[in-house]
Amino acid sequence: MSVVAVALSVASFALLGLLEGNLLRNAERDAEQQAVVVAQLAADGNLDRMRPPGIGAEFVQVVNARGRVLRATPNLAGAAALAPVKPLRPGTEFHTWRVRPLGGEHRQRVVQLTTQTPQGLVSVFVGTSLRDVDAADDTTTAALAVGGPLLLATVALVTWRVTGRALGPVEAIRAEVAEITDRDLHRRVPVPPTRDEVARLAETMNRTLDRLESSGIRQRQFIADASHELRSPITVLRTQLEVALAVRDPESWPELIGGALEDTERLQRLCSDLLLLARIDAAQPVAAVRLDLGDVVDEAVRARLGDRVPVRTTLERGLEVEGSELWLTRVVTNLLDNAQRFADRRVELVLRSAGGPGHRTAVLEVGDDGPGIPAADRDRVFERFTRLDDSRSRDHGGSGLGLAIARDLTAHHGGTLTVGERAHGSERGTGLGTGLGAGPGAAHGALLVVRLPLAPNGAPPRG
């Protein structure tokens, strides 16, 4: 409101100045026209022919260089010279005086025109009343003095009402958000029916709450599943240790201790997987370097010892990606572990490129000739702690985290991990989709497909 008040004050003073200036110029123009006529008569020596002042002039007085009044209108009869005696110079001057002999208290705008005559220099004084100017100033000032505060009060009232109406939904949103805690993430803020920025803010806030609620549900489910998964090996380990303690036969101890070590290793792997998932969920930054994906895959395959089924690889070289070598190696390792767990006689890995110029991607396919993944479970298989009822059971030694970790690490690198389609009985093509399991009576098996964006050209790969 202070800004509006200052603006109104400046506008009021400007209006008064413009009004007075315009009226003053009109008065000066009328008086100057009368002065020019009288000065011309004086220059011609015809002051006797001077007529009464016309419209816009109140009085006329002609004074010589010695201060003697040569001619004057009746309303200045007997009055002394309006201006003090001083050296005269030809030209026009404007003055504003209060001329008492005329009566009234209004100011007079006086035009002094000095000209050369046969009797020497004379000054012609023509005055016009500023009565209209003063009246207009007084009326305008009074109107502004009354209307300004009223206008300011109206603007304040309208601003308060409009602002209150506009910010009411914002206050409702703020109050609702202030009451939402980690146990009330199901609550949502009210969305006003205005379809404006405030409504879009409320919709965005509700979408954010949706994500927070989903994250909270996922976190609680993860904690519950992790607790269940940790409880099982700990219970088995405790049982084995209690049996070992109760058995007095030393020959049975190696078998019991070996079983305890297996459960300890399983518990260690599970803890490592849980810590890795926690790092992924926390979105901890990982230093990304330029890598040749073929080298990463080749090293991951060569590092595997004691695989039950040999891995057949077909690698396309020169496919460069940006990411973490450790995490990309973990993706390959998890996919191969999954394939080894359920393969019958064959595990194949293919690395190839796909797409056109400017949109090329690296495609990593890992397939096996095992029982495969039912179509209804192709999304659920990537959920954490998910084991399919028959083939993907705990008896195979999995914790249900391998594919979930592989998918999250792939997404961390801007890629995707999906279950691919397997062709049956066709010849081998460029990918596993037409190769593995071909032949009469062969099982379709499982095919997992990783797609990663290739790094832009320019920087050399890390050696």
Protein backbone atom coordinates (compact mmCIF):
# COMPACT_ATOMS: atom_id res chain seq x y z
CA MET A 1 0.00 0.00 0.00
CA SER A 2 2.90 2.39 0.60
CA VAL A 3 3.88 2.03 -3.05
CA VAL A 4 0.32 2.84 -4.16
CA ALA A 5 0.23 5.84 -1.81
CA VAL A 6 3.50 7.20 -3.21
CA ALA A 7 2.27 6.64 -6.76
CA LEU A 8 -1.01 8.47 -6.04
CA SER A 9 0.87 11.37 -4.45
CA VAL A 10 3.22 11.71 -7.40
CA ALA A 11 0.31 11.49 -9.83
CA SER A 12 -1.63 14.17 -7.87
CA PHE A 13 1.28 16.62 -7.88
CA ALA A 14 1.87 15.94 -11.55
CA LEU A 15 -1.81 16.57 -12.33
CA LEU A 16 -1.79 19.85 -10.41
CA GLY A 17 1.37 20.96 -12.17
CA LEU A 18 0.04 20.13 -15.61
CA LEU A 19 -3.30 21.82 -14.94
CA GLU A 20 -1.73 25.02 -13.62
CA GLY A 21 0.83 25.10 -16.41
CA ASN A 22 -1.83 24.75 -19.10
CA LEU A 23 -4.08 27.47 -17.61
CA LEU A 24 -1.09 29.74 -17.10
CA ARG A 25 -0.03 29.42 -20.73
CA ASN A 26 -3.54 30.30 -21.87
CA ALA A 27 -3.52 33.43 -19.68
CA GLU A 28 -0.07 34.45 -20.91
CA ARG A 29 -1.12 34.05 -24.53
CA ASP A 30 -4.13 36.35 -24.14
CA ALA A 31 -2.13 38.98 -22.24
CA GLU A 32 0.75 38.86 -24.70
CA GLN A 33 -1.58 39.42 -27.68
CA GLN A 34 -2.99 42.53 -25.97
CA ALA A 35 0.54 43.77 -25.14
CA VAL A 36 1.67 43.42 -28.76
CA VAL A 37 -1.28 45.54 -29.95
CA VAL A 38 -0.56 48.32 -27.43
CA ALA A 39 3.19 48.20 -28.12
CA GLN A 40 2.51 48.67 -31.83
CA LEU A 41 0.38 51.74 -31.06
CA ALA A 42 3.17 53.14 -28.86
CA ALA A 43 5.77 52.54 -31.56
CA ASP A 44 3.56 54.40 -34.07
CA GLY A 45 2.95 57.26 -31.60
CA ASN A 46 -0.75 56.51 -31.43
CA LEU A 47 -1.24 55.75 -27.73
CA ASP A 48 -4.27 58.02 -27.80
CA ARG A 49 -6.03 55.38 -29.86
CA MET A 50 -5.51 52.68 -27.16
CA ARG A 51 -8.76 50.89 -26.49
CA PRO A 52 -9.97 49.18 -23.30
CA PRO A 53 -8.43 45.73 -22.75
CA GLY A 54 -10.06 42.83 -24.55
CA ILE A 55 -11.09 39.42 -23.28
CA GLY A 56 -8.35 37.84 -21.19
CA ALA A 57 -6.77 41.14 -20.02
CA GLU A 58 -7.59 42.93 -16.77
CA PHE A 59 -5.53 46.10 -17.15
CA VAL A 60 -2.99 47.90 -19.38
CA GLN A 61 -0.31 50.36 -18.28
CA VAL A 62 2.32 52.08 -20.42
CA VAL A 63 5.43 53.42 -18.61
CA ASN A 64 8.44 55.27 -20.06
CA ALA A 65 12.08 54.79 -19.11
CA ARG A 66 11.81 57.37 -16.28
CA GLY A 67 8.94 55.52 -14.64
CA ARG A 68 6.24 57.94 -15.77
CA VAL A 69 2.87 56.38 -16.59
CA LEU A 70 1.92 57.41 -20.13
CA ARG A 71 -1.35 55.55 -20.44
CA ALA A 72 -3.40 53.22 -18.20
CA THR A 73 -6.80 51.61 -18.11
CA PRO A 74 -9.37 53.14 -15.75
CA ASN A 75 -8.90 50.47 -13.12
CA LEU A 76 -5.27 51.66 -12.74
CA ALA A 77 -6.03 55.39 -12.89
CA GLY A 78 -3.70 57.30 -10.60
CA ALA A 79 -1.65 54.20 -9.77
CA ALA A 80 2.12 54.29 -9.82
CA ALA A 81 4.18 52.29 -12.27
CA LEU A 82 3.88 48.57 -11.69
CA ALA A 83 7.61 47.94 -12.03
CA PRO A 84 10.39 49.89 -10.32
CA VAL A 85 12.47 52.26 -12.45
CA LYS A 86 15.35 50.37 -14.02
CA PRO A 87 17.15 50.42 -17.36
CA LEU A 88 14.77 49.14 -19.99
CA ARG A 89 15.74 46.60 -22.59
CA PRO A 90 13.60 45.66 -25.58
CA GLY A 91 11.90 42.28 -25.16
CA THR A 92 9.10 40.44 -23.38
CA GLU A 93 9.06 39.43 -19.70
CA PHE A 94 6.49 37.59 -17.60
CA HIS A 95 5.74 38.33 -13.96
CA THR A 96 3.20 37.16 -11.40
CA TRP A 97 2.13 39.89 -8.98
CA ARG A 98 -0.68 40.69 -6.61
CA VAL A 99 -2.00 44.04 -7.80
CA ARG A 100 -3.88 45.54 -4.82
CA PRO A 101 -5.55 48.48 -6.59
CA LEU A 102 -7.61 46.10 -8.69
CA GLY A 103 -9.32 44.67 -5.62
CA GLY A 104 -9.60 41.00 -4.71
CA GLU A 105 -6.88 38.68 -3.60
CA HIS A 106 -6.23 36.79 -6.82
CA ARG A 107 -2.85 36.88 -8.47
CA GLN A 108 -2.20 38.67 -11.74
CA ARG A 109 -0.01 37.33 -14.50
CA VAL A 110 1.67 40.43 -16.00
CA VAL A 111 3.30 40.61 -19.43
CA GLN A 112 5.95 43.35 -19.75
CA LEU A 113 6.75 44.21 -23.38
CA THR A 114 9.45 46.85 -23.92
CA THR A 115 9.60 48.55 -27.32
CA GLN A 116 11.18 51.58 -29.04
CA THR A 117 8.92 54.60 -29.62
CA PRO A 118 9.49 58.17 -30.90
CA GLN A 119 9.70 59.24 -27.23
CA GLY A 120 12.22 56.46 -26.38
CA LEU A 121 11.86 53.09 -24.76
CA VAL A 122 8.54 52.35 -23.12
CA SER A 123 7.22 49.29 -21.33
CA VAL A 124 3.71 48.00 -21.86
CA PHE A 125 2.29 46.12 -18.87
CA VAL A 126 -0.73 43.93 -19.57
CA GLY A 127 -2.15 41.90 -16.68
CA THR A 128 -4.59 39.03 -16.63
CA SER A 129 -6.22 37.60 -13.55
CA LEU A 130 -5.26 34.12 -12.37
CA ARG A 131 -8.63 33.78 -10.71
CA ASP A 132 -9.58 30.78 -12.86
CA VAL A 133 -6.17 29.22 -12.33
CA ASP A 134 -6.41 29.60 -8.55
CA ALA A 135 -9.98 28.30 -8.53
CA ALA A 136 -9.03 25.30 -10.60
CA ASP A 137 -6.05 24.62 -8.32
CA ASP A 138 -8.20 24.89 -5.21
CA THR A 139 -10.94 22.64 -6.63
CA THR A 140 -8.49 20.04 -7.90
CA THR A 141 -6.52 20.07 -4.65
CA ALA A 142 -9.69 19.57 -2.63
CA ALA A 143 -10.86 16.78 -4.91
CA LEU A 144 -7.50 15.02 -4.67
CA ALA A 145 -7.36 15.52 -0.91
CA VAL A 146 -10.69 13.76 -0.55
CA GLY A 147 -10.52 11.32 -3.47
CA GLY A 148 -6.91 10.23 -2.93
CA PRO A 149 -7.48 8.60 0.46
CA LEU A 150 -10.78 7.13 -0.76
CA LEU A 151 -9.05 5.68 -3.82
CA LEU A 152 -6.21 4.37 -1.66
CA ALA A 153 -8.70 2.77 0.73
CA THR A 154 -10.60 1.21 -2.20
CA VAL A 155 -7.39 -0.18 -3.69
CA ALA A 156 -6.38 -1.53 -0.28
CA LEU A 157 -9.77 -3.19 0.21
CA VAL A 158 -9.84 -4.72 -3.29
CA THR A 159 -6.23 -5.89 -2.96
CA TRP A 160 -6.95 -7.44 0.43
CA ARG A 161 -10.03 -9.24 -0.87
CA VAL A 162 -8.41 -10.43 -4.10
CA THR A 163 -5.19 -11.45 -2.39
CA GLY A 164 -7.08 -13.24 0.36
CA ARG A 165 -9.21 -15.07 -2.15
CA ALA A 166 -6.17 -16.01 -4.24
CA LEU A 167 -4.05 -17.10 -1.26
CA GLY A 168 -6.87 -18.95 0.51
CA PRO A 169 -6.21 -22.20 -1.41
CA VAL A 170 -2.48 -21.75 -0.79
CA GLU A 171 -3.12 -21.49 2.94
CA ALA A 172 -5.30 -24.62 2.77
CA ILE A 173 -2.48 -26.46 1.00
CA ARG A 174 0.06 -25.22 3.55
CA ALA A 175 -2.11 -26.22 6.50
CA GLU A 176 -2.68 -29.71 5.08
CA VAL A 177 1.01 -30.26 4.32
CA ALA A 178 1.93 -29.03 7.81
CA GLU A 179 -0.21 -31.79 9.34
CA ILE A 180 1.14 -34.60 7.15
CA THR A 181 3.69 -36.79 8.92
CA ASP A 182 5.52 -39.94 7.89
CA ARG A 183 2.50 -41.90 9.14
CA ASP A 184 -0.04 -39.82 7.17
CA LEU A 185 1.38 -40.01 3.67
CA HIS A 186 -2.01 -41.20 2.42
CA ARG A 187 -3.45 -37.71 2.94
CA ARG A 188 -3.69 -35.29 0.02
CA VAL A 189 -3.94 -31.51 -0.27
CA PRO A 190 -7.19 -29.96 -1.60
CA VAL A 191 -7.15 -29.04 -5.29
CA PRO A 192 -9.11 -25.82 -6.03
CA PRO A 193 -11.39 -25.88 -9.11
CA THR A 194 -9.74 -22.76 -10.58
CA ARG A 195 -7.41 -24.58 -13.01
CA ASP A 196 -4.74 -21.96 -12.44
CA GLU A 197 -1.21 -22.01 -11.05
CA VAL A 198 -2.45 -22.76 -7.53
CA ALA A 199 -4.43 -25.77 -8.80
CA ARG A 200 -1.38 -27.04 -10.67
CA LEU A 201 0.68 -26.54 -7.50
CA ALA A 202 -1.80 -28.67 -5.55
CA GLU A 203 -1.77 -31.38 -8.22
CA THR A 204 2.03 -31.41 -8.23
CA MET A 205 2.06 -31.63 -4.44
CA ASN A 206 -0.34 -34.60 -4.55
CA ARG A 207 1.82 -36.37 -7.13
CA THR A 208 4.81 -35.81 -4.87
CA LEU A 209 2.87 -37.26 -1.96
CA ASP A 210 1.96 -40.24 -4.16
CA ARG A 211 5.64 -40.89 -4.79
CA LEU A 212 6.49 -40.44 -1.12
CA GLU A 213 3.73 -42.85 -0.10
CA SER A 214 4.89 -45.41 -2.67
CA SER A 215 8.46 -44.99 -1.46
CA GLY A 216 7.38 -45.42 2.15
CA ILE A 217 5.35 -48.54 1.34
CA ARG A 218 8.26 -49.95 -0.62
CA GLN A 219 10.69 -49.19 2.19
CA ARG A 220 8.48 -50.81 4.83
CA GLN A 221 7.97 -53.85 2.62
CA PHE A 222 11.69 -54.04 2.02
CA ILE A 223 12.41 -53.92 5.75
CA ALA A 224 9.83 -56.63 6.42
CA ASP A 225 11.18 -58.85 3.63
CA ALA A 226 14.77 -58.26 4.68
CA SER A 227 13.94 -59.15 8.26
CA HIS A 228 12.26 -62.34 7.11
CA GLU A 229 15.15 -63.29 4.83
CA LEU A 230 17.71 -62.62 7.53
CA ARG A 231 15.78 -64.54 10.13
CA SER A 232 15.77 -67.78 8.15
CA PRO A 233 19.57 -68.26 7.79
CA ILE A 234 20.16 -66.98 11.32
CA THR A 235 17.68 -69.55 12.66
CA VAL A 236 19.26 -72.36 10.64
CA LEU A 237 22.74 -71.28 11.70
CA ARG A 238 21.77 -71.21 15.33
CA THR A 239 20.18 -74.67 15.06
CA GLN A 240 23.31 -76.12 13.47
CA LEU A 241 25.52 -74.59 16.13
CA GLU A 242 23.27 -75.90 18.90
CA VAL A 243 23.34 -79.39 17.33
CA ALA A 244 27.11 -79.22 17.00
CA LEU A 245 27.35 -78.23 20.64
CA ALA A 246 25.04 -81.06 21.69
CA VAL A 247 26.74 -83.76 19.58
CA ARG A 248 29.70 -85.31 21.35
CA ASP A 249 30.93 -87.23 18.32
CA PRO A 250 33.94 -85.34 16.85
CA GLU A 251 33.50 -87.07 13.52
CA SER A 252 30.15 -85.27 13.00
CA TRP A 253 31.59 -81.83 13.68
CA PRO A 254 33.10 -81.18 10.20
CA GLU A 255 29.73 -81.77 8.54
CA LEU A 256 27.90 -79.59 11.03
CA ILE A 257 30.50 -76.83 10.86
CA GLY A 258 30.48 -77.00 7.05
CA GLY A 259 26.72 -76.49 7.00
CA ALA A 260 27.09 -73.57 9.38
CA LEU A 261 29.72 -72.03 7.11
CA GLU A 262 27.39 -72.36 4.12
CA ASP A 263 24.64 -70.56 5.95
CA THR A 264 27.16 -67.94 7.10
CA GLU A 265 28.23 -67.35 3.49
CA ARG A 266 24.60 -67.12 2.42
CA LEU A 267 23.96 -64.64 5.22
CA GLN A 268 27.03 -62.63 4.17
CA ARG A 269 25.89 -62.49 0.54
CA LEU A 270 22.43 -61.41 1.62
CA CYS A 271 23.84 -58.63 3.80
CA SER A 272 26.03 -57.44 0.91
CA ASP A 273 23.02 -57.37 -1.40
CA LEU A 274 20.98 -55.43 1.13
CA LEU A 275 23.76 -52.87 1.58
CA LEU A 276 24.05 -52.45 -2.18
CA LEU A 277 20.31 -51.91 -2.51
CA ALA A 278 20.48 -49.33 0.27
CA ARG A 279 23.21 -47.48 -1.66
CA ILE A 280 21.14 -47.58 -4.84
CA ASP A 281 18.01 -46.34 -3.06
CA ALA A 282 20.02 -43.53 -1.48
CA ALA A 283 21.09 -42.47 -5.02
CA GLN A 284 24.70 -42.17 -3.93
CA PRO A 285 26.76 -40.73 -6.80
CA VAL A 286 29.23 -43.06 -8.43
CA ALA A 287 32.14 -41.84 -10.51
CA ALA A 288 31.29 -42.60 -14.15
CA VAL A 289 34.07 -43.31 -16.65
CA ARG A 290 34.05 -44.22 -20.31
CA LEU A 291 34.23 -48.00 -20.73
CA ASP A 292 34.32 -50.54 -23.52
CA LEU A 293 31.34 -52.66 -22.55
CA GLY A 294 32.78 -55.65 -24.44
CA ASP A 295 35.87 -55.61 -22.23
CA VAL A 296 33.77 -55.36 -19.08
CA VAL A 297 31.60 -58.31 -20.10
CA ASP A 298 34.59 -60.39 -21.20
CA GLU A 299 36.39 -59.82 -17.89
CA ALA A 300 33.25 -60.67 -15.92
CA VAL A 301 32.86 -63.97 -17.81
CA ARG A 302 36.54 -64.90 -17.50
CA ALA A 303 36.49 -64.25 -13.75
CA ARG A 304 33.82 -66.92 -13.19
CA LEU A 305 35.17 -70.21 -11.93
CA GLY A 306 33.34 -73.48 -11.43
CA ASP A 307 30.23 -72.65 -13.46
CA ARG A 308 27.97 -75.66 -13.82
CA VAL A 309 27.18 -74.80 -17.45
CA PRO A 310 29.77 -73.25 -19.80
CA VAL A 311 28.92 -69.77 -21.02
CA ARG A 312 28.99 -69.21 -24.78
CA THR A 313 29.70 -65.55 -25.61
CA THR A 314 29.34 -63.47 -28.75
CA LEU A 315 30.72 -59.98 -28.14
CA GLU A 316 30.70 -56.95 -30.42
CA ARG A 317 33.68 -54.76 -29.62
CA GLY A 318 33.84 -50.97 -29.56
CA LEU A 319 30.57 -50.40 -27.71
CA GLU A 320 31.49 -47.63 -25.31
CA VAL A 321 29.29 -46.62 -22.37
CA GLU A 322 29.69 -44.29 -19.41
CA GLY A 323 29.31 -45.78 -15.95
CA SER A 324 30.85 -47.70 -13.10
CA GLU A 325 32.88 -50.75 -14.08
CA LEU A 326 32.14 -52.36 -10.70
CA TRP A 327 28.38 -51.95 -11.03
CA LEU A 328 28.23 -52.99 -14.68
CA THR A 329 30.24 -56.09 -13.79
CA ARG A 330 27.72 -56.79 -11.04
CA VAL A 331 24.89 -56.60 -13.61
CA VAL A 332 26.59 -59.20 -15.82
CA THR A 333 27.40 -61.39 -12.83
CA ASN A 334 23.84 -61.37 -11.51
CA LEU A 335 22.39 -62.21 -14.92
CA LEU A 336 24.83 -65.10 -15.37
CA ASP A 337 24.18 -66.35 -11.83
CA ASN A 338 20.47 -66.40 -12.58
CA ALA A 339 21.04 -68.27 -15.85
CA GLN A 340 23.43 -70.79 -14.23
CA ARG A 341 20.90 -71.50 -11.49
CA PHE A 342 18.16 -72.63 -13.89
CA ALA A 343 19.94 -73.66 -17.12
CA ASP A 344 19.78 -77.22 -18.32
CA ARG A 345 22.73 -77.47 -20.71
CA ARG A 346 23.25 -74.07 -22.29
CA VAL A 347 23.92 -70.47 -21.22
CA GLU A 348 24.57 -67.91 -23.92
CA LEU A 349 25.57 -64.26 -23.74
CA VAL A 350 25.40 -61.87 -26.69
CA LEU A 351 26.57 -58.24 -26.77
CA ARG A 352 25.54 -56.27 -29.84
CA SER A 353 24.50 -52.81 -30.95
CA ALA A 354 21.04 -51.72 -32.05
CA GLY A 355 19.38 -48.61 -33.45
CA GLY A 356 20.34 -46.09 -36.11
CA PRO A 357 22.76 -43.15 -36.17
CA GLY A 358 22.29 -40.88 -33.18
CA HIS A 359 20.14 -43.43 -31.32
CA ARG A 360 22.41 -46.46 -31.02
CA THR A 361 22.27 -48.57 -27.88
CA ALA A 362 24.24 -51.47 -26.50
CA VAL A 363 22.15 -54.63 -26.10
CA LEU A 364 23.28 -57.37 -23.71
CA GLU A 365 21.29 -60.63 -23.88
CA VAL A 366 21.71 -63.48 -21.42
CA GLY A 367 19.68 -66.63 -22.06
CA ASP A 368 19.40 -70.15 -20.75
CA ASP A 369 17.53 -73.31 -21.76
CA GLY A 370 15.85 -73.76 -18.40
CA PRO A 371 12.13 -73.71 -17.55
CA GLY A 372 11.80 -70.05 -18.54
CA ILE A 373 9.77 -67.23 -17.04
CA PRO A 374 5.97 -67.30 -17.47
CA ALA A 375 4.52 -64.26 -19.23
CA ALA A 376 2.45 -63.38 -16.15
CA ASP A 377 5.62 -63.16 -14.00
CA ARG A 378 7.85 -61.13 -16.33
CA ASP A 379 7.37 -57.95 -14.34
CA ARG A 380 7.16 -59.52 -10.90
CA VAL A 381 10.46 -61.37 -11.34
CA PHE A 382 12.30 -58.02 -10.97
CA GLU A 383 10.72 -57.24 -7.61
CA ARG A 384 12.84 -57.65 -4.52
CA PHE A 385 12.72 -60.99 -2.70
CA THR A 386 10.58 -62.45 -5.48
CA ARG A 387 10.90 -66.19 -6.15
CA LEU A 388 8.65 -67.94 -8.59
CA ASP A 389 6.86 -70.87 -6.99
CA ASP A 390 8.54 -73.76 -8.79
CA SER A 391 11.73 -73.12 -10.72
CA ARG A 392 12.73 -69.88 -8.95
CA SER A 393 12.57 -71.29 -5.39
CA ARG A 394 14.80 -70.86 -2.38
CA ASP A 395 16.06 -74.38 -2.92
CA HIS A 396 18.19 -73.10 -5.79
CA GLY A 397 20.07 -70.88 -3.38
CA GLY A 398 18.77 -67.49 -4.50
CA SER A 399 17.65 -64.69 -2.23
CA GLY A 400 15.33 -63.08 -4.78
CA LEU A 401 17.53 -59.96 -5.03
CA GLY A 402 19.77 -60.72 -8.00
CA LEU A 403 17.49 -59.50 -10.78
CA ALA A 404 16.21 -56.61 -8.67
CA ILE A 405 19.79 -55.41 -8.13
CA ALA A 406 20.61 -55.86 -11.82
CA ARG A 407 17.56 -53.85 -12.85
CA ASP A 408 18.28 -51.02 -10.39
CA LEU A 409 21.94 -50.82 -11.43
CA THR A 410 20.93 -50.77 -15.09
CA ALA A 411 18.44 -47.97 -14.44
CA HIS A 412 21.20 -46.10 -12.57
CA HIS A 413 23.13 -46.10 -15.87
CA GLY A 414 20.14 -44.85 -17.84
CA GLY A 415 19.25 -48.26 -19.28
CA THR A 416 16.56 -50.91 -18.99
CA LEU A 417 16.41 -54.59 -18.06
CA THR A 418 13.51 -56.61 -19.41
CA VAL A 419 12.50 -60.17 -20.17
CA GLY A 420 12.93 -60.77 -23.91
CA GLU A 421 10.88 -62.88 -26.26
CA ARG A 422 12.28 -66.27 -27.25
CA ALA A 423 11.74 -67.80 -30.66
CA HIS A 424 11.41 -71.56 -30.88
CA GLY A 425 12.77 -73.86 -33.55
CA SER A 426 14.35 -71.14 -35.77
CA GLU A 427 17.90 -70.68 -36.91
CA ARG A 428 20.35 -68.58 -34.95
CA GLY A 429 20.31 -64.89 -35.78
CA THR A 430 22.03 -61.79 -34.48
CA GLY A 431 20.61 -62.17 -30.98
CA LEU A 432 19.45 -64.83 -28.59
CA GLY A 433 15.84 -64.21 -29.47
CA THR A 434 16.21 -66.58 -32.42
CA GLY A 435 18.93 -68.92 -31.26
CA LEU A 436 18.89 -70.58 -27.88
CA GLY A 437 16.75 -73.61 -27.41
CA ALA A 438 16.23 -74.21 -31.12
CA GLY A 439 15.36 -77.69 -32.16
CA PRO A 440 12.55 -80.13 -31.69
CA GLY A 441 11.30 -80.33 -28.14
CA ALA A 442 13.68 -77.67 -26.85
CA ALA A 443 12.50 -75.49 -23.97
CA HIS A 444 12.14 -71.80 -24.57
CA GLY A 445 14.23 -70.93 -21.50
CA ALA A 446 14.68 -67.43 -20.07
CA LEU A 447 16.04 -64.42 -21.97
CA LEU A 448 17.03 -61.26 -20.10
CA VAL A 449 17.83 -58.17 -22.17
CA VAL A 450 19.83 -55.14 -21.00
CA ARG A 451 19.81 -51.96 -23.09
CA LEU A 452 22.30 -49.21 -22.30
CA PRO A 453 22.82 -45.87 -24.09
CA LEU A 454 26.15 -45.61 -25.88
CA ALA A 455 28.52 -42.85 -24.85
CA PRO A 456 28.81 -39.88 -27.24
CA ASN A 457 31.77 -39.89 -29.57
CA GLY A 458 34.81 -37.82 -28.67
CA ALA A 459 36.48 -39.01 -25.45
CA PRO A 460 38.67 -42.13 -25.49
CA PRO A 461 37.60 -45.12 -23.38
CA ARG A 462 39.31 -45.85 -20.09
CA GLY A 463 42.09 -48.36 -20.56
